[in-house]
PDB file of all heavy atoms in Angstrom:
ATOM      1  N   GLY A   1     128.292  62.343 -43.396  1.00  0.00           N
ATOM      2  CA  GLY A   1     128.185  60.930 -43.393  1.00  0.00           C
ATOM      3  C   GLY A   1     129.440  60.181 -43.368  1.00  0.00           C
ATOM      4  O   GLY A   1     130.549  60.714 -43.269  1.00  0.00           O
ATOM      5  N   SER A   2     129.371  58.859 -43.433  1.00  0.00           N
ATOM      6  CA  SER A   2     130.493  57.993 -43.378  1.00  0.00           C
ATOM      7  C   SER A   2     130.580  57.029 -44.542  1.00  0.00           C
ATOM      8  O   SER A   2     129.527  56.707 -45.157  1.00  0.00           O
ATOM      9  CB  SER A   2     130.482  57.167 -42.063  1.00  0.00           C
ATOM     10  OG  SER A   2     130.557  58.004 -40.918  1.00  0.00           O
ATOM     11  N   LEU A   3     131.784  56.614 -44.841  1.00  0.00           N
ATOM     12  CA  LEU A   3     131.965  55.674 -45.939  1.00  0.00           C
ATOM     13  C   LEU A   3     133.257  54.885 -45.667  1.00  0.00           C
ATOM     14  O   LEU A   3     134.214  55.467 -45.117  1.00  0.00           O
ATOM     15  CB  LEU A   3     132.114  56.400 -47.273  1.00  0.00           C
ATOM     16  CG  LEU A   3     131.721  55.698 -48.575  1.00  0.00           C
ATOM     17  CD1 LEU A   3     130.328  55.238 -48.587  1.00  0.00           C
ATOM     18  CD2 LEU A   3     132.047  56.644 -49.761  1.00  0.00           C
ATOM     19  N   THR A   4     133.294  53.593 -46.032  1.00  0.00           N
ATOM     20  CA  THR A   4     134.518  52.785 -45.845  1.00  0.00           C
ATOM     21  C   THR A   4     134.971  52.276 -47.160  1.00  0.00           C
ATOM     22  O   THR A   4     134.187  51.623 -47.904  1.00  0.00           O
ATOM     23  CB  THR A   4     134.199  51.600 -44.900  1.00  0.00           C
ATOM     24  OG1 THR A   4     133.867  52.135 -43.597  1.00  0.00           O
ATOM     25  CG2 THR A   4     135.462  50.808 -44.738  1.00  0.00           C
ATOM     26  N   LEU A   5     136.243  52.556 -47.498  1.00  0.00           N
ATOM     27  CA  LEU A   5     136.837  52.048 -48.731  1.00  0.00           C
ATOM     28  C   LEU A   5     137.608  50.793 -48.360  1.00  0.00           C
ATOM     29  O   LEU A   5     138.232  50.729 -47.352  1.00  0.00           O
ATOM     30  CB  LEU A   5     137.715  53.086 -49.350  1.00  0.00           C
ATOM     31  CG  LEU A   5     137.100  54.449 -49.643  1.00  0.00           C
ATOM     32  CD1 LEU A   5     138.147  55.381 -50.342  1.00  0.00           C
ATOM     33  CD2 LEU A   5     135.853  54.324 -50.503  1.00  0.00           C
ATOM     34  N   SER A   6     137.661  49.875 -49.271  1.00  0.00           N
ATOM     35  CA  SER A   6     138.472  48.659 -49.197  1.00  0.00           C
ATOM     36  C   SER A   6     139.431  48.522 -50.377  1.00  0.00           C
ATOM     37  O   SER A   6     139.056  48.957 -51.506  1.00  0.00           O
ATOM     38  CB  SER A   6     137.561  47.425 -49.120  1.00  0.00           C
ATOM     39  OG  SER A   6     136.744  47.439 -47.967  1.00  0.00           O
ATOM     40  N   CYS A   7     140.571  47.989 -50.124  1.00  0.00           N
ATOM     41  CA  CYS A   7     141.547  47.709 -51.188  1.00  0.00           C
ATOM     42  C   CYS A   7     142.090  46.318 -50.983  1.00  0.00           C
ATOM     43  O   CYS A   7     142.669  46.005 -49.961  1.00  0.00           O
ATOM     44  CB  CYS A   7     142.688  48.730 -51.130  1.00  0.00           C
ATOM     45  SG  CYS A   7     144.065  48.378 -52.216  1.00  0.00           S
ATOM     46  N   THR A   8     141.776  45.443 -51.928  1.00  0.00           N
ATOM     47  CA  THR A   8     142.166  44.089 -51.867  1.00  0.00           C
ATOM     48  C   THR A   8     143.282  43.759 -52.835  1.00  0.00           C
ATOM     49  O   THR A   8     143.164  44.112 -53.996  1.00  0.00           O
ATOM     50  CB  THR A   8     140.987  43.096 -52.078  1.00  0.00           C
ATOM     51  OG1 THR A   8     139.969  43.314 -51.065  1.00  0.00           O
ATOM     52  CG2 THR A   8     141.438  41.647 -52.020  1.00  0.00           C
ATOM     53  N   ALA A   9     144.343  43.155 -52.398  1.00  0.00           N
ATOM     54  CA  ALA A   9     145.477  42.822 -53.219  1.00  0.00           C
ATOM     55  C   ALA A   9     145.449  41.380 -53.686  1.00  0.00           C
ATOM     56  O   ALA A   9     144.993  40.479 -52.955  1.00  0.00           O
ATOM     57  CB  ALA A   9     146.754  43.110 -52.480  1.00  0.00           C
ATOM     58  N   SER A  10     145.925  41.116 -54.887  1.00  0.00           N
ATOM     59  CA  SER A  10     146.077  39.795 -55.368  1.00  0.00           C
ATOM     60  C   SER A  10     147.430  39.617 -56.023  1.00  0.00           C
ATOM     61  O   SER A  10     148.116  40.610 -56.289  1.00  0.00           O
ATOM     62  CB  SER A  10     144.991  39.464 -56.399  1.00  0.00           C
ATOM     63  OG  SER A  10     145.055  40.288 -57.523  1.00  0.00           O
ATOM     64  N   GLY A  11     147.831  38.455 -56.241  1.00  0.00           N
ATOM     65  CA  GLY A  11     149.132  38.170 -56.829  1.00  0.00           C
ATOM     66  C   GLY A  11     150.221  37.739 -55.819  1.00  0.00           C
ATOM     67  O   GLY A  11     151.031  36.877 -56.134  1.00  0.00           O
ATOM     68  N   ARG A  12     150.153  38.330 -54.647  1.00  0.00           N
ATOM     69  CA  ARG A  12     151.043  37.978 -53.573  1.00  0.00           C
ATOM     70  C   ARG A  12     150.560  38.588 -52.270  1.00  0.00           C
ATOM     71  O   ARG A  12     149.733  39.525 -52.287  1.00  0.00           O
ATOM     72  CB  ARG A  12     152.521  38.403 -53.852  1.00  0.00           C
ATOM     73  CG  ARG A  12     152.689  39.933 -54.017  1.00  0.00           C
ATOM     74  CD  ARG A  12     154.124  40.285 -54.286  1.00  0.00           C
ATOM     75  NE  ARG A  12     154.963  40.011 -53.108  1.00  0.00           N
ATOM     76  CZ  ARG A  12     156.261  40.241 -53.050  1.00  0.00           C
ATOM     77  NH1 ARG A  12     156.942  40.700 -54.124  1.00  0.00           N
ATOM     78  NH2 ARG A  12     156.953  39.964 -51.975  1.00  0.00           N
ATOM     79  N   THR A  13     151.116  38.147 -51.161  1.00  0.00           N
ATOM     80  CA  THR A  13     150.694  38.758 -49.865  1.00  0.00           C
ATOM     81  C   THR A  13     151.250  40.131 -49.739  1.00  0.00           C
ATOM     82  O   THR A  13     152.280  40.502 -50.277  1.00  0.00           O
ATOM     83  CB  THR A  13     151.276  37.808 -48.722  1.00  0.00           C
ATOM     84  OG1 THR A  13     150.900  38.409 -47.507  1.00  0.00           O
ATOM     85  CG2 THR A  13     152.746  37.730 -48.781  1.00  0.00           C
ATOM     86  N   ILE A  14     150.481  40.932 -49.002  1.00  0.00           N
ATOM     87  CA  ILE A  14     150.943  42.314 -48.642  1.00  0.00           C
ATOM     88  C   ILE A  14     151.577  42.396 -47.321  1.00  0.00           C
ATOM     89  O   ILE A  14     151.803  43.509 -46.777  1.00  0.00           O
ATOM     90  CB  ILE A  14     149.799  43.310 -48.775  1.00  0.00           C
ATOM     91  CG1 ILE A  14     148.649  43.002 -47.797  1.00  0.00           C
ATOM     92  CG2 ILE A  14     149.245  43.420 -50.249  1.00  0.00           C
ATOM     93  CD1 ILE A  14     147.671  44.144 -47.625  1.00  0.00           C
ATOM     94  N   ARG A  15     151.859  41.249 -46.728  1.00  0.00           N
ATOM     95  CA  ARG A  15     152.427  41.213 -45.376  1.00  0.00           C
ATOM     96  C   ARG A  15     153.644  42.105 -45.227  1.00  0.00           C
ATOM     97  O   ARG A  15     153.836  42.797 -44.183  1.00  0.00           O
ATOM     98  CB  ARG A  15     152.780  39.804 -44.989  1.00  0.00           C
ATOM     99  CG  ARG A  15     153.474  39.636 -43.645  1.00  0.00           C
ATOM    100  CD  ARG A  15     153.673  38.209 -43.245  1.00  0.00           C
ATOM    101  NE  ARG A  15     152.425  37.596 -42.965  1.00  0.00           N
ATOM    102  CZ  ARG A  15     152.270  36.294 -42.592  1.00  0.00           C
ATOM    103  NH1 ARG A  15     153.348  35.523 -42.463  1.00  0.00           N
ATOM    104  NH2 ARG A  15     151.089  35.813 -42.338  1.00  0.00           N
ATOM    105  N   ASN A  16     154.493  42.160 -46.230  1.00  0.00           N
ATOM    106  CA  ASN A  16     155.712  42.944 -46.122  1.00  0.00           C
ATOM    107  C   ASN A  16     155.623  44.257 -46.932  1.00  0.00           C
ATOM    108  O   ASN A  16     156.665  44.879 -47.257  1.00  0.00           O
ATOM    109  CB  ASN A  16     156.876  42.092 -46.660  1.00  0.00           C
ATOM    110  CG  ASN A  16     157.174  40.899 -45.832  1.00  0.00           C
ATOM    111  OD1 ASN A  16     157.093  40.988 -44.590  1.00  0.00           O
ATOM    112  ND2 ASN A  16     157.529  39.790 -46.459  1.00  0.00           N
ATOM    113  N   PHE A  17     154.408  44.767 -47.163  1.00  0.00           N
ATOM    114  CA  PHE A  17     154.235  45.996 -47.884  1.00  0.00           C
ATOM    115  C   PHE A  17     153.645  47.087 -46.970  1.00  0.00           C
ATOM    116  O   PHE A  17     152.788  46.858 -46.188  1.00  0.00           O
ATOM    117  CB  PHE A  17     153.234  45.766 -49.041  1.00  0.00           C
ATOM    118  CG  PHE A  17     153.866  45.095 -50.254  1.00  0.00           C
ATOM    119  CD1 PHE A  17     154.230  43.771 -50.237  1.00  0.00           C
ATOM    120  CD2 PHE A  17     154.130  45.806 -51.401  1.00  0.00           C
ATOM    121  CE1 PHE A  17     154.765  43.127 -51.323  1.00  0.00           C
ATOM    122  CE2 PHE A  17     154.693  45.219 -52.502  1.00  0.00           C
ATOM    123  CZ  PHE A  17     155.000  43.869 -52.470  1.00  0.00           C
ATOM    124  N   ASP A  18     154.166  48.314 -47.205  1.00  0.00           N
ATOM    125  CA  ASP A  18     153.547  49.478 -46.648  1.00  0.00           C
ATOM    126  C   ASP A  18     152.412  49.867 -47.645  1.00  0.00           C
ATOM    127  O   ASP A  18     152.536  49.729 -48.852  1.00  0.00           O
ATOM    128  CB  ASP A  18     154.511  50.672 -46.599  1.00  0.00           C
ATOM    129  CG  ASP A  18     155.685  50.355 -45.644  1.00  0.00           C
ATOM    130  OD1 ASP A  18     155.532  49.657 -44.662  1.00  0.00           O
ATOM    131  OD2 ASP A  18     156.799  50.888 -45.957  1.00  0.00           O
ATOM    132  N   MET A  19     151.296  50.307 -47.050  1.00  0.00           N
ATOM    133  CA  MET A  19     150.104  50.620 -47.822  1.00  0.00           C
ATOM    134  C   MET A  19     149.680  52.053 -47.655  1.00  0.00           C
ATOM    135  O   MET A  19     149.867  52.640 -46.552  1.00  0.00           O
ATOM    136  CB  MET A  19     148.933  49.681 -47.499  1.00  0.00           C
ATOM    137  CG  MET A  19     149.254  48.191 -47.547  1.00  0.00           C
ATOM    138  SD  MET A  19     149.564  47.626 -49.300  1.00  0.00           S
ATOM    139  CE  MET A  19     147.975  47.957 -50.010  1.00  0.00           C
ATOM    140  N   GLY A  20     149.102  52.651 -48.668  1.00  0.00           N
ATOM    141  CA  GLY A  20     148.644  54.038 -48.585  1.00  0.00           C
ATOM    142  C   GLY A  20     147.429  54.271 -49.405  1.00  0.00           C
ATOM    143  O   GLY A  20     147.063  53.526 -50.269  1.00  0.00           O
ATOM    144  N   TRP A  21     146.739  55.385 -48.997  1.00  0.00           N
ATOM    145  CA  TRP A  21     145.629  55.914 -49.767  1.00  0.00           C
ATOM    146  C   TRP A  21     145.984  57.333 -50.240  1.00  0.00           C
ATOM    147  O   TRP A  21     146.461  58.142 -49.489  1.00  0.00           O
ATOM    148  CB  TRP A  21     144.382  55.974 -48.935  1.00  0.00           C
ATOM    149  CG  TRP A  21     143.729  54.627 -48.642  1.00  0.00           C
ATOM    150  CD1 TRP A  21     143.849  53.887 -47.548  1.00  0.00           C
ATOM    151  CD2 TRP A  21     142.820  53.943 -49.471  1.00  0.00           C
ATOM    152  NE1 TRP A  21     143.124  52.735 -47.621  1.00  0.00           N
ATOM    153  CE2 TRP A  21     142.431  52.723 -48.847  1.00  0.00           C
ATOM    154  CE3 TRP A  21     142.291  54.220 -50.772  1.00  0.00           C
ATOM    155  CZ2 TRP A  21     141.564  51.804 -49.418  1.00  0.00           C
ATOM    156  CZ3 TRP A  21     141.403  53.296 -51.346  1.00  0.00           C
ATOM    157  CH2 TRP A  21     141.033  52.113 -50.672  1.00  0.00           C
ATOM    158  N   PHE A  22     145.635  57.602 -51.529  1.00  0.00           N
ATOM    159  CA  PHE A  22     145.829  58.903 -52.104  1.00  0.00           C
ATOM    160  C   PHE A  22     144.490  59.269 -52.757  1.00  0.00           C
ATOM    161  O   PHE A  22     143.625  58.439 -53.001  1.00  0.00           O
ATOM    162  CB  PHE A  22     146.929  58.847 -53.130  1.00  0.00           C
ATOM    163  CG  PHE A  22     148.295  58.580 -52.607  1.00  0.00           C
ATOM    164  CD1 PHE A  22     148.646  57.261 -52.230  1.00  0.00           C
ATOM    165  CD2 PHE A  22     149.217  59.576 -52.398  1.00  0.00           C
ATOM    166  CE1 PHE A  22     149.859  56.994 -51.674  1.00  0.00           C
ATOM    167  CE2 PHE A  22     150.469  59.275 -51.872  1.00  0.00           C
ATOM    168  CZ  PHE A  22     150.835  58.011 -51.520  1.00  0.00           C
ATOM    169  N   ARG A  23     144.339  60.537 -53.102  1.00  0.00           N
ATOM    170  CA  ARG A  23     143.122  60.984 -53.785  1.00  0.00           C
ATOM    171  C   ARG A  23     143.482  62.107 -54.784  1.00  0.00           C
ATOM    172  O   ARG A  23     144.494  62.790 -54.625  1.00  0.00           O
ATOM    173  CB  ARG A  23     142.039  61.450 -52.796  1.00  0.00           C
ATOM    174  CG  ARG A  23     142.397  62.709 -52.039  1.00  0.00           C
ATOM    175  CD  ARG A  23     141.372  63.004 -50.940  1.00  0.00           C
ATOM    176  NE  ARG A  23     141.660  64.288 -50.240  1.00  0.00           N
ATOM    177  CZ  ARG A  23     140.949  64.682 -49.221  1.00  0.00           C
ATOM    178  NH1 ARG A  23     139.935  63.922 -48.717  1.00  0.00           N
ATOM    179  NH2 ARG A  23     141.262  65.785 -48.609  1.00  0.00           N
ATOM    180  N   GLN A  24     142.603  62.230 -55.790  1.00  0.00           N
ATOM    181  CA  GLN A  24     142.815  63.234 -56.792  1.00  0.00           C
ATOM    182  C   GLN A  24     141.474  63.792 -57.209  1.00  0.00           C
ATOM    183  O   GLN A  24     140.588  63.055 -57.658  1.00  0.00           O
ATOM    184  CB  GLN A  24     143.538  62.682 -58.008  1.00  0.00           C
ATOM    185  CG  GLN A  24     143.918  63.717 -59.045  1.00  0.00           C
ATOM    186  CD  GLN A  24     144.851  63.124 -60.092  1.00  0.00           C
ATOM    187  OE1 GLN A  24     144.893  61.926 -60.365  1.00  0.00           O
ATOM    188  NE2 GLN A  24     145.597  64.064 -60.710  1.00  0.00           N
TER     189      GLN A  24
END
């Protein structure tokens, strides 16, 4: 099957940020 995860940031824009997903 399929699933979509979302990550929403607050506090400031993520325009200048590199983003990643990790798992454990």
